Amino acid sequence: MSDTAELRTDATNVEQLKAWDGREGDYWAEHADQYDAAVADYHRPLIDLAALVPGDRVLDIGCGTGQTTRDAARLAGSALGIDLSSRMLDVARMRSVREGLGNVVFQRGDAQIYQFERAGFDVALSRTGTMFFGDPAAAHANIAGALRPGGRLALAVWQPISENEWFYSFTGALTAGRDLPNPPPNSPNPFSMSEPDKVHRLLAASGFEDIEFSELRAPMTFGTTAHNAHDFIIGQLGWLLTGLDDSSRNDALARLMHTMQEHETPAGVQFGSAMWLVSARRP
């Protein structure tokens, strides 16, 4: 069943709600397998970092279509996945039923202000889901409050753009030489947690300690062929073509196809990427 009730969200997250419970979230839901495949090499290291044991109560922040939630539930006692996207949560629920998982619940909500049971979880984890809060300090403090004393945090977040070939290759091709405006400082964006010093301060101020970072680099696979990968990325980043005349648009599309062809391998169309795996503990 879809989440149809109006969602209570913080004022700083209104635009994120429009995106994730709108076209962007719908596109992720429609291409769930392709998105999971893109970050497949990061999935198991994050689950391992969470160090789940039978009986653990797990909170998955920004769970999307629920791969991390379901795999956590297989190792733990129960798992709650929370996300803004109705469509992605529909996919997550459908897959949990199909896989026979009775210890998973998916909830539509804004994790920045959601009233979690205080000290109700042993572990909170997130795979690229914590970079989009309008008020990161409030959000991570709320997550800390949901953990029991001694509860663990495990995050996978992107390293800077310069370390992620996929991002600068795609945007470089599609912007056709135009400069993208930089997001305002501390605004929600995929790279808002890319600086370890900044993240350390954020988590410490939010109530965490024993904060550690480990670097992980892996190829990301965006499709089985150049044409498949090209179409997948256009569906996600095609808005970068807005305002181009026909000639410039065709040039941008040709550049994107060329870079996809350059990165074809027997394992698919692959680009370099890098994440931080971040662990912490609530005192």
C-alpha atoms as a PDB file:
ATOM      1  CA  MET A   1       0.000   0.000   0.000  1.00  0.00           C
ATOM      2  CA  SER A   2       1.322   3.434  -0.876  1.00  0.00           C
ATOM      3  CA  ASP A   3       1.910   6.152   1.742  1.00  0.00           C
ATOM      4  CA  THR A   4      -0.797   8.662   0.873  1.00  0.00           C
ATOM      5  CA  ALA A   5      -1.033  10.792   4.031  1.00  0.00           C
ATOM      6  CA  GLU A   6       0.596  14.198   4.050  1.00  0.00           C
ATOM      7  CA  LEU A   7       4.094  13.854   5.428  1.00  0.00           C
ATOM      8  CA  ARG A   8       5.278  15.986   8.314  1.00  0.00           C
ATOM      9  CA  THR A   9       8.716  17.276   7.400  1.00  0.00           C
ATOM     10  CA  ASP A  10      11.072  19.940   8.652  1.00  0.00           C
ATOM     11  CA  ALA A  11      10.933  23.236   6.782  1.00  0.00           C
ATOM     12  CA  THR A  12      14.575  22.799   5.745  1.00  0.00           C
ATOM     13  CA  ASN A  13      13.722  19.534   3.974  1.00  0.00           C
ATOM     14  CA  VAL A  14      10.778  20.670   1.860  1.00  0.00           C
ATOM     15  CA  GLU A  15      12.771  20.685  -1.378  1.00  0.00           C
ATOM     16  CA  GLN A  16      14.195  17.258  -0.600  1.00  0.00           C
ATOM     17  CA  LEU A  17      10.657  15.962  -0.082  1.00  0.00           C
ATOM     18  CA  LYS A  18       9.612  17.364  -3.466  1.00  0.00           C
ATOM     19  CA  ALA A  19      12.529  15.615  -5.167  1.00  0.00           C
ATOM     20  CA  TRP A  20      12.535  12.258  -3.396  1.00  0.00           C
ATOM     21  CA  ASP A  21       8.753  11.928  -3.232  1.00  0.00           C
ATOM     22  CA  GLY A  22       8.552  13.187  -6.804  1.00  0.00           C
ATOM     23  CA  ARG A  23      10.323  12.534 -10.067  1.00  0.00           C
ATOM     24  CA  GLU A  24      13.733  11.723  -8.594  1.00  0.00           C
ATOM     25  CA  GLY A  25      12.399   9.120  -6.183  1.00  0.00           C
ATOM     26  CA  ASP A  26      10.150   7.668  -8.866  1.00  0.00           C
ATOM     27  CA  TYR A  27      13.132   7.201 -11.179  1.00  0.00           C
ATOM     28  CA  TRP A  28      15.096   5.418  -8.449  1.00  0.00           C
ATOM     29  CA  ALA A  29      12.125   3.142  -7.800  1.00  0.00           C
ATOM     30  CA  GLU A  30      11.855   2.269 -11.486  1.00  0.00           C
ATOM     31  CA  HIS A  31      15.591   1.498 -11.709  1.00  0.00           C
ATOM     32  CA  ALA A  32      16.174  -0.036  -8.291  1.00  0.00           C
ATOM     33  CA  ASP A  33      18.302  -2.918  -9.550  1.00  0.00           C
ATOM     34  CA  GLN A  34      20.534  -0.618 -11.593  1.00  0.00           C
ATOM     35  CA  TYR A  35      21.133   1.710  -8.652  1.00  0.00           C
ATOM     36  CA  ASP A  36      21.917  -1.210  -6.328  1.00  0.00           C
ATOM     37  CA  ALA A  37      24.306  -2.629  -8.922  1.00  0.00           C
ATOM     38  CA  ALA A  38      26.109   0.714  -9.228  1.00  0.00           C
ATOM     39  CA  VAL A  39      27.166   0.675  -5.557  1.00  0.00           C
ATOM     40  CA  ALA A  40      27.403  -3.101  -5.161  1.00  0.00           C
ATOM     41  CA  ASP A  41      31.062  -3.017  -4.115  1.00  0.00           C
ATOM     42  CA  TYR A  42      30.191  -0.742  -1.172  1.00  0.00           C
ATOM     43  CA  HIS A  43      27.204  -2.692   0.075  1.00  0.00           C
ATOM     44  CA  ARG A  44      28.838  -5.579   1.906  1.00  0.00           C
ATOM     45  CA  PRO A  45      31.598  -3.440   3.502  1.00  0.00           C
ATOM     46  CA  LEU A  46      28.901  -1.213   5.011  1.00  0.00           C
ATOM     47  CA  ILE A  47      26.953  -4.195   6.349  1.00  0.00           C
ATOM     48  CA  ASP A  48      30.187  -5.615   7.765  1.00  0.00           C
ATOM     49  CA  LEU A  49      31.003  -2.252   9.383  1.00  0.00           C
ATOM     50  CA  ALA A  50      27.662  -2.335  11.208  1.00  0.00           C
ATOM     51  CA  ALA A  51      28.800  -5.600  12.902  1.00  0.00           C
ATOM     52  CA  LEU A  52      25.241  -6.858  13.246  1.00  0.00           C
ATOM     53  CA  VAL A  53      24.404  -9.747  15.546  1.00  0.00           C
ATOM     54  CA  PRO A  54      21.165 -11.683  16.101  1.00  0.00           C
ATOM     55  CA  GLY A  55      18.774  -9.638  18.180  1.00  0.00           C
ATOM     56  CA  ASP A  56      20.033  -6.222  17.064  1.00  0.00           C
ATOM     57  CA  ARG A  57      17.365  -3.621  16.348  1.00  0.00           C
ATOM     58  CA  VAL A  58      18.479  -1.751  13.218  1.00  0.00           C
ATOM     59  CA  LEU A  59      17.509   1.679  11.888  1.00  0.00           C
ATOM     60  CA  ASP A  60      18.258   2.334   8.193  1.00  0.00           C
ATOM     61  CA  ILE A  61      18.269   6.056   7.352  1.00  0.00           C
ATOM     62  CA  GLY A  62      17.298   6.987   3.779  1.00  0.00           C
ATOM     63  CA  CYS A  63      16.653   3.328   3.009  1.00  0.00           C
ATOM     64  CA  GLY A  64      15.372   3.882  -0.544  1.00  0.00           C
ATOM     65  CA  THR A  65      14.264   0.600  -2.081  1.00  0.00           C
ATOM     66  CA  GLY A  66      15.495  -1.242   0.983  1.00  0.00           C
ATOM     67  CA  GLN A  67      18.438  -3.434   0.003  1.00  0.00           C
ATOM     68  CA  THR A  68      20.441  -2.414   3.067  1.00  0.00           C
ATOM     69  CA  THR A  69      17.413  -2.752   5.345  1.00  0.00           C
ATOM     70  CA  ARG A  70      16.578  -6.239   4.168  1.00  0.00           C
ATOM     71  CA  ASP A  71      20.151  -7.500   4.307  1.00  0.00           C
ATOM     72  CA  ALA A  72      20.544  -6.027   7.792  1.00  0.00           C
ATOM     73  CA  ALA A  73      17.360  -7.774   8.896  1.00  0.00           C
ATOM     74  CA  ARG A  74      18.757 -11.132   7.794  1.00  0.00           C
ATOM     75  CA  LEU A  75      21.593 -10.725  10.299  1.00  0.00           C
ATOM     76  CA  ALA A  76      19.774  -8.894  13.105  1.00  0.00           C
ATOM     77  CA  GLY A  77      16.563  -9.180  15.066  1.00  0.00           C
ATOM     78  CA  SER A  78      14.561  -6.498  13.297  1.00  0.00           C
ATOM     79  CA  ALA A  79      15.033  -3.546  10.957  1.00  0.00           C
ATOM     80  CA  LEU A  80      13.183  -0.298  10.315  1.00  0.00           C
ATOM     81  CA  GLY A  81      13.850   1.561   7.067  1.00  0.00           C
ATOM     82  CA  ILE A  82      12.813   5.213   6.786  1.00  0.00           C
ATOM     83  CA  ASP A  83      12.687   7.331   3.631  1.00  0.00           C
ATOM     84  CA  LEU A  84      10.837  10.270   2.064  1.00  0.00           C
ATOM     85  CA  SER A  85       9.897   8.430  -1.137  1.00  0.00           C
ATOM     86  CA  SER A  86       6.536   6.685  -1.356  1.00  0.00           C
ATOM     87  CA  ARG A  87       7.465   4.898  -4.561  1.00  0.00           C
ATOM     88  CA  MET A  88      10.784   3.598  -3.292  1.00  0.00           C
ATOM     89  CA  LEU A  89       9.144   2.350  -0.109  1.00  0.00           C
ATOM     90  CA  ASP A  90       6.545   0.515  -2.202  1.00  0.00           C
ATOM     91  CA  VAL A  91       9.393  -1.334  -3.919  1.00  0.00           C
ATOM     92  CA  ALA A  92      11.084  -2.015  -0.576  1.00  0.00           C
ATOM     93  CA  ARG A  93       7.933  -3.510   0.930  1.00  0.00           C
ATOM     94  CA  MET A  94       7.186  -5.598  -2.142  1.00  0.00           C
ATOM     95  CA  ARG A  95      10.677  -7.070  -2.112  1.00  0.00           C
ATOM     96  CA  SER A  96      10.628  -7.812   1.608  1.00  0.00           C
ATOM     97  CA  VAL A  97       7.387  -9.766   1.159  1.00  0.00           C
ATOM     98  CA  ARG A  98       8.773 -11.581  -1.870  1.00  0.00           C
ATOM     99  CA  GLU A  99      11.869 -12.513   0.109  1.00  0.00           C
ATOM    100  CA  GLY A 100       9.827 -13.763   3.058  1.00  0.00           C
ATOM    101  CA  LEU A 101      11.173 -11.249   5.580  1.00  0.00           C
ATOM    102  CA  GLY A 102       8.815 -10.782   8.489  1.00  0.00           C
ATOM    103  CA  ASN A 103      11.130  -8.676  10.646  1.00  0.00           C
ATOM    104  CA  VAL A 104      11.293  -5.577   8.411  1.00  0.00           C
ATOM    105  CA  VAL A 105       9.159  -2.436   8.585  1.00  0.00           C
ATOM    106  CA  PHE A 106       9.362   0.471   6.140  1.00  0.00           C
ATOM    107  CA  GLN A 107       8.189   3.893   7.247  1.00  0.00           C
ATOM    108  CA  ARG A 108       7.755   7.068   5.234  1.00  0.00           C
ATOM    109  CA  GLY A 109       9.151   9.920   7.259  1.00  0.00           C
ATOM    110  CA  ASP A 110      11.682  12.694   7.685  1.00  0.00           C
ATOM    111  CA  ALA A 111      14.466  11.236   9.841  1.00  0.00           C
ATOM    112  CA  GLN A 112      15.482  14.750  10.889  1.00  0.00           C
ATOM    113  CA  ILE A 113      12.339  15.144  13.000  1.00  0.00           C
ATOM    114  CA  TYR A 114      10.767  11.673  13.095  1.00  0.00           C
ATOM    115  CA  GLN A 115       9.814  10.646  16.632  1.00  0.00           C
ATOM    116  CA  PHE A 116      11.792   7.437  16.912  1.00  0.00           C
ATOM    117  CA  GLU A 117      11.516   5.414  20.074  1.00  0.00           C
ATOM    118  CA  ARG A 118      14.189   6.844  22.337  1.00  0.00           C
ATOM    119  CA  ALA A 119      17.060   4.379  22.742  1.00  0.00           C
ATOM    120  CA  GLY A 120      15.013   1.993  20.635  1.00  0.00           C
ATOM    121  CA  PHE A 121      17.805   0.783  18.314  1.00  0.00           C
ATOM    122  CA  ASP A 122      21.159  -0.923  18.672  1.00  0.00           C
ATOM    123  CA  VAL A 123      22.501   0.133  15.268  1.00  0.00           C
ATOM    124  CA  ALA A 124      21.791   2.960  12.811  1.00  0.00           C
ATOM    125  CA  LEU A 125      23.188   2.671   9.318  1.00  0.00           C
ATOM    126  CA  SER A 126      22.882   4.467   6.016  1.00  0.00           C
ATOM    127  CA  ARG A 127      24.189   3.942   2.493  1.00  0.00           C
ATOM    128  CA  THR A 128      24.509   7.419   0.956  1.00  0.00           C
ATOM    129  CA  GLY A 129      21.356   8.573   2.721  1.00  0.00           C
ATOM    130  CA  THR A 130      22.603  11.106   5.284  1.00  0.00           C
ATOM    131  CA  MET A 131      23.996  13.814   2.995  1.00  0.00           C
ATOM    132  CA  PHE A 132      20.654  15.422   2.183  1.00  0.00           C
ATOM    133  CA  PHE A 133      19.382  16.830   5.471  1.00  0.00           C
ATOM    134  CA  GLY A 134      18.580  20.518   5.584  1.00  0.00           C
ATOM    135  CA  ASP A 135      19.810  20.624   9.192  1.00  0.00           C
ATOM    136  CA  PRO A 136      22.466  17.889   9.507  1.00  0.00           C
ATOM    137  CA  ALA A 137      23.144  18.641  13.182  1.00  0.00           C
ATOM    138  CA  ALA A 138      19.498  18.238  14.157  1.00  0.00           C
ATOM    139  CA  ALA A 139      19.165  15.114  12.034  1.00  0.00           C
ATOM    140  CA  HIS A 140      22.181  13.320  13.452  1.00  0.00           C
ATOM    141  CA  ALA A 141      21.236  14.323  16.991  1.00  0.00           C
ATOM    142  CA  ASN A 142      17.823  12.765  16.382  1.00  0.00           C
ATOM    143  CA  ILE A 143      19.495   9.595  15.105  1.00  0.00           C
ATOM    144  CA  ALA A 144      21.779   9.524  18.145  1.00  0.00           C
ATOM    145  CA  GLY A 145      18.747   9.795  20.408  1.00  0.00           C
ATOM    146  CA  ALA A 146      17.198   6.781  18.715  1.00  0.00           C
ATOM    147  CA  LEU A 147      20.208   4.642  19.681  1.00  0.00           C
ATOM    148  CA  ARG A 148      20.638   2.998  23.057  1.00  0.00           C
ATOM    149  CA  PRO A 149      23.734   3.900  25.061  1.00  0.00           C
ATOM    150  CA  GLY A 150      26.586   2.111  23.338  1.00  0.00           C
ATOM    151  CA  GLY A 151      24.605   1.918  20.105  1.00  0.00           C
ATOM    152  CA  ARG A 152      26.564   1.980  16.852  1.00  0.00           C
ATOM    153  CA  LEU A 153      26.452   4.167  13.746  1.00  0.00           C
ATOM    154  CA  ALA A 154      27.680   2.991  10.318  1.00  0.00           C
ATOM    155  CA  LEU A 155      27.595   5.296   7.295  1.00  0.00           C
ATOM    156  CA  ALA A 156      28.748   5.175   3.682  1.00  0.00           C
ATOM    157  CA  VAL A 157      29.211   8.680   2.232  1.00  0.00           C
ATOM    158  CA  TRP A 158      30.932   9.975  -0.874  1.00  0.00           C
ATOM    159  CA  GLN A 159      34.464  11.332  -0.847  1.00  0.00           C
ATOM    160  CA  PRO A 160      34.992  14.677  -2.679  1.00  0.00           C
ATOM    161  CA  ILE A 161      34.006  15.126  -6.317  1.00  0.00           C
ATOM    162  CA  SER A 162      37.670  15.026  -7.352  1.00  0.00           C
ATOM    163  CA  GLU A 163      37.822  11.391  -6.197  1.00  0.00           C
ATOM    164  CA  ASN A 164      34.658  10.340  -8.035  1.00  0.00           C
ATOM    165  CA  GLU A 165      35.270   9.937 -11.724  1.00  0.00           C
ATOM    166  CA  TRP A 166      31.651   9.022 -12.413  1.00  0.00           C
ATOM    167  CA  PHE A 167      30.343  12.396 -11.244  1.00  0.00           C
ATOM    168  CA  TYR A 168      32.770  14.717 -12.981  1.00  0.00           C
ATOM    169  CA  SER A 169      32.666  12.628 -16.165  1.00  0.00           C
ATOM    170  CA  PHE A 170      28.878  12.737 -16.455  1.00  0.00           C
ATOM    171  CA  THR A 171      28.421  16.362 -15.486  1.00  0.00           C
ATOM    172  CA  GLY A 172      31.394  17.443 -17.603  1.00  0.00           C
ATOM    173  CA  ALA A 173      29.863  15.836 -20.683  1.00  0.00           C
ATOM    174  CA  LEU A 174      26.358  17.173 -20.135  1.00  0.00           C
ATOM    175  CA  THR A 175      27.156  20.747 -19.118  1.00  0.00           C
ATOM    176  CA  ALA A 176      28.783  21.388 -22.506  1.00  0.00           C
ATOM    177  CA  GLY A 177      31.443  23.656 -21.039  1.00  0.00           C
ATOM    178  CA  ARG A 178      29.069  25.590 -18.789  1.00  0.00           C
ATOM    179  CA  ASP A 179      29.948  25.956 -15.111  1.00  0.00           C
ATOM    180  CA  LEU A 180      27.485  24.438 -12.681  1.00  0.00           C
ATOM    181  CA  PRO A 181      26.661  26.753  -9.774  1.00  0.00           C
ATOM    182  CA  ASN A 182      28.198  25.563  -6.535  1.00  0.00           C
ATOM    183  CA  PRO A 183      25.648  24.556  -3.892  1.00  0.00           C
ATOM    184  CA  PRO A 184      25.459  26.903  -0.889  1.00  0.00           C
ATOM    185  CA  PRO A 185      27.759  25.907   1.967  1.00  0.00           C
ATOM    186  CA  ASN A 186      26.301  23.110   4.122  1.00  0.00           C
ATOM    187  CA  SER A 187      23.388  22.617   1.734  1.00  0.00           C
ATOM    188  CA  PRO A 188      22.071  19.117   0.972  1.00  0.00           C
ATOM    189  CA  ASN A 189      24.025  17.492  -1.862  1.00  0.00           C
ATOM    190  CA  PRO A 190      25.729  14.145  -2.525  1.00  0.00           C
ATOM    191  CA  PHE A 191      29.119  15.462  -1.352  1.00  0.00           C
ATOM    192  CA  SER A 192      28.045  17.360   1.756  1.00  0.00           C
ATOM    193  CA  MET A 193      29.734  14.754   4.015  1.00  0.00           C
ATOM    194  CA  SER A 194      32.906  14.349   1.962  1.00  0.00           C
ATOM    195  CA  GLU A 195      35.270  16.156   4.383  1.00  0.00           C
ATOM    196  CA  PRO A 196      36.244  13.974   7.373  1.00  0.00           C
ATOM    197  CA  ASP A 197      37.099  16.882   9.686  1.00  0.00           C
ATOM    198  CA  LYS A 198      33.726  18.473   9.070  1.00  0.00           C
ATOM    199  CA  VAL A 199      31.880  15.182   9.557  1.00  0.00           C
ATOM    200  CA  HIS A 200      33.827  14.433  12.724  1.00  0.00           C
ATOM    201  CA  ARG A 201      32.750  17.782  14.189  1.00  0.00           C
ATOM    202  CA  LEU A 202      29.159  17.191  13.090  1.00  0.00           C
ATOM    203  CA  LEU A 203      28.915  13.746  14.659  1.00  0.00           C
ATOM    204  CA  ALA A 204      30.692  14.765  17.850  1.00  0.00           C
ATOM    205  CA  ALA A 205      28.329  17.721  18.287  1.00  0.00           C
ATOM    206  CA  SER A 206      25.378  15.411  17.607  1.00  0.00           C
ATOM    207  CA  GLY A 207      26.263  13.113  20.488  1.00  0.00           C
ATOM    208  CA  PHE A 208      28.619  10.496  19.028  1.00  0.00           C
ATOM    209  CA  GLU A 209      32.107   9.421  20.031  1.00  0.00           C
ATOM    210  CA  ASP A 210      34.734   6.922  18.819  1.00  0.00           C
ATOM    211  CA  ILE A 211      34.311   8.397  15.323  1.00  0.00           C
ATOM    212  CA  GLU A 212      36.449   6.659  12.725  1.00  0.00           C
ATOM    213  CA  PHE A 213      36.846   6.875   8.936  1.00  0.00           C
ATOM    214  CA  SER A 214      38.097   4.287   6.497  1.00  0.00           C
ATOM    215  CA  GLU A 215      38.648   4.866   2.794  1.00  0.00           C
ATOM    216  CA  LEU A 216      37.118   2.577   0.203  1.00  0.00           C
ATOM    217  CA  ARG A 217      37.554   2.841  -3.556  1.00  0.00           C
ATOM    218  CA  ALA A 218      35.698   0.695  -6.048  1.00  0.00           C
ATOM    219  CA  PRO A 219      34.400   0.788  -9.622  1.00  0.00           C
ATOM    220  CA  MET A 220      30.777   1.722 -10.106  1.00  0.00           C
ATOM    221  CA  THR A 221      28.878  -0.089 -12.851  1.00  0.00           C
ATOM    222  CA  PHE A 222      26.228   1.999 -14.613  1.00  0.00           C
ATOM    223  CA  GLY A 223      25.009  -0.451 -17.219  1.00  0.00           C
ATOM    224  CA  THR A 224      25.821  -3.549 -19.216  1.00  0.00           C
ATOM    225  CA  THR A 225      26.519  -1.567 -22.403  1.00  0.00           C
ATOM    226  CA  ALA A 226      27.354   2.009 -23.312  1.00  0.00           C
ATOM    227  CA  HIS A 227      23.829   2.552 -24.664  1.00  0.00           C
ATOM    228  CA  ASN A 228      22.246   1.163 -21.505  1.00  0.00           C
ATOM    229  CA  ALA A 229      24.441   3.313 -19.252  1.00  0.00           C
ATOM    230  CA  HIS A 230      23.873   6.402 -21.429  1.00  0.00           C
ATOM    231  CA  ASP A 231      20.090   6.092 -21.179  1.00  0.00           C
ATOM    232  CA  PHE A 232      20.252   5.429 -17.432  1.00  0.00           C
ATOM    233  CA  ILE A 233      22.264   8.581 -16.742  1.00  0.00           C
ATOM    234  CA  ILE A 234      20.192  10.761 -19.075  1.00  0.00           C
ATOM    235  CA  GLY A 235      17.126   9.744 -17.094  1.00  0.00           C
ATOM    236  CA  GLN A 236      18.848  10.959 -13.954  1.00  0.00           C
ATOM    237  CA  LEU A 237      20.851  13.987 -15.143  1.00  0.00           C
ATOM    238  CA  GLY A 238      19.016  15.041 -18.283  1.00  0.00           C
ATOM    239  CA  TRP A 239      18.002  18.263 -16.539  1.00  0.00           C
ATOM    240  CA  LEU A 240      21.570  19.474 -17.171  1.00  0.00           C
ATOM    241  CA  LEU A 241      20.619  19.825 -20.836  1.00  0.00           C
ATOM    242  CA  THR A 242      17.942  22.397 -20.065  1.00  0.00           C
ATOM    243  CA  GLY A 243      18.430  25.596 -22.021  1.00  0.00           C
ATOM    244  CA  LEU A 244      20.777  24.150 -24.658  1.00  0.00           C
ATOM    245  CA  ASP A 245      20.005  24.632 -28.320  1.00  0.00           C
ATOM    246  CA  ASP A 246      19.639  21.521 -30.479  1.00  0.00           C
ATOM    247  CA  SER A 247      23.237  21.567 -31.661  1.00  0.00           C
ATOM    248  CA  SER A 248      24.699  21.937 -28.156  1.00  0.00           C
ATOM    249  CA  ARG A 249      22.331  19.294 -26.804  1.00  0.00           C
ATOM    250  CA  ASN A 250      23.361  16.808 -29.478  1.00  0.00           C
ATOM    251  CA  ASP A 251      27.034  17.546 -28.788  1.00  0.00           C
ATOM    252  CA  ALA A 252      26.510  16.931 -25.063  1.00  0.00           C
ATOM    253  CA  LEU A 253      24.727  13.646 -25.704  1.00  0.00           C
ATOM    254  CA  ALA A 254      27.516  12.575 -28.052  1.00  0.00           C
ATOM    255  CA  ARG A 255      30.143  13.406 -25.432  1.00  0.00           C
ATOM    256  CA  LEU A 256      28.288  11.363 -22.834  1.00  0.00           C
ATOM    257  CA  MET A 257      28.038   8.406 -25.200  1.00  0.00           C
ATOM    258  CA  HIS A 258      31.734   8.688 -25.990  1.00  0.00           C
ATOM    259  CA  THR A 259      32.746   8.543 -22.326  1.00  0.00           C
ATOM    260  CA  MET A 260      30.441   5.573 -21.798  1.00  0.00           C
ATOM    261  CA  GLN A 261      32.070   3.762 -24.704  1.00  0.00           C
ATOM    262  CA  GLU A 262      35.532   4.558 -23.316  1.00  0.00           C
ATOM    263  CA  HIS A 263      34.551   2.906 -20.031  1.00  0.00           C
ATOM    264  CA  GLU A 264      33.000  -0.284 -21.400  1.00  0.00           C
ATOM    265  CA  THR A 265      34.529  -3.392 -19.836  1.00  0.00           C
ATOM    266  CA  PRO A 266      33.563  -7.084 -19.834  1.00  0.00           C
ATOM    267  CA  ALA A 267      31.937  -6.383 -16.446  1.00  0.00           C
ATOM    268  CA  GLY A 268      29.909  -3.431 -17.753  1.00  0.00           C
ATOM    269  CA  VAL A 269      30.372   0.336 -18.023  1.00  0.00           C
ATOM    270  CA  GLN A 270      32.545   1.215 -15.038  1.00  0.00           C
ATOM    271  CA  PHE A 271      33.853   4.453 -13.543  1.00  0.00           C
ATOM    272  CA  GLY A 272      36.092   5.088 -10.569  1.00  0.00           C
ATOM    273  CA  SER A 273      34.550   6.113  -7.254  1.00  0.00           C
ATOM    274  CA  ALA A 274      35.458   6.577  -3.604  1.00  0.00           C
ATOM    275  CA  MET A 275      33.536   6.596  -0.335  1.00  0.00           C
ATOM    276  CA  TRP A 276      34.222   7.054   3.342  1.00  0.00           C
ATOM    277  CA  LEU A 277      32.959   4.358   5.661  1.00  0.00           C
ATOM    278  CA  VAL A 278      32.222   6.117   8.927  1.00  0.00           C
ATOM    279  CA  SER A 279      31.683   4.421  12.267  1.00  0.00           C
ATOM    280  CA  ALA A 280      30.750   5.979  15.601  1.00  0.00           C
ATOM    281  CA  ARG A 281      29.130   5.122  18.914  1.00  0.00           C
ATOM    282  CA  ARG A 282      26.618   6.740  21.189  1.00  0.00           C
ATOM    283  CA  PRO A 283      28.118   7.038  24.707  1.00  0.00           C
END
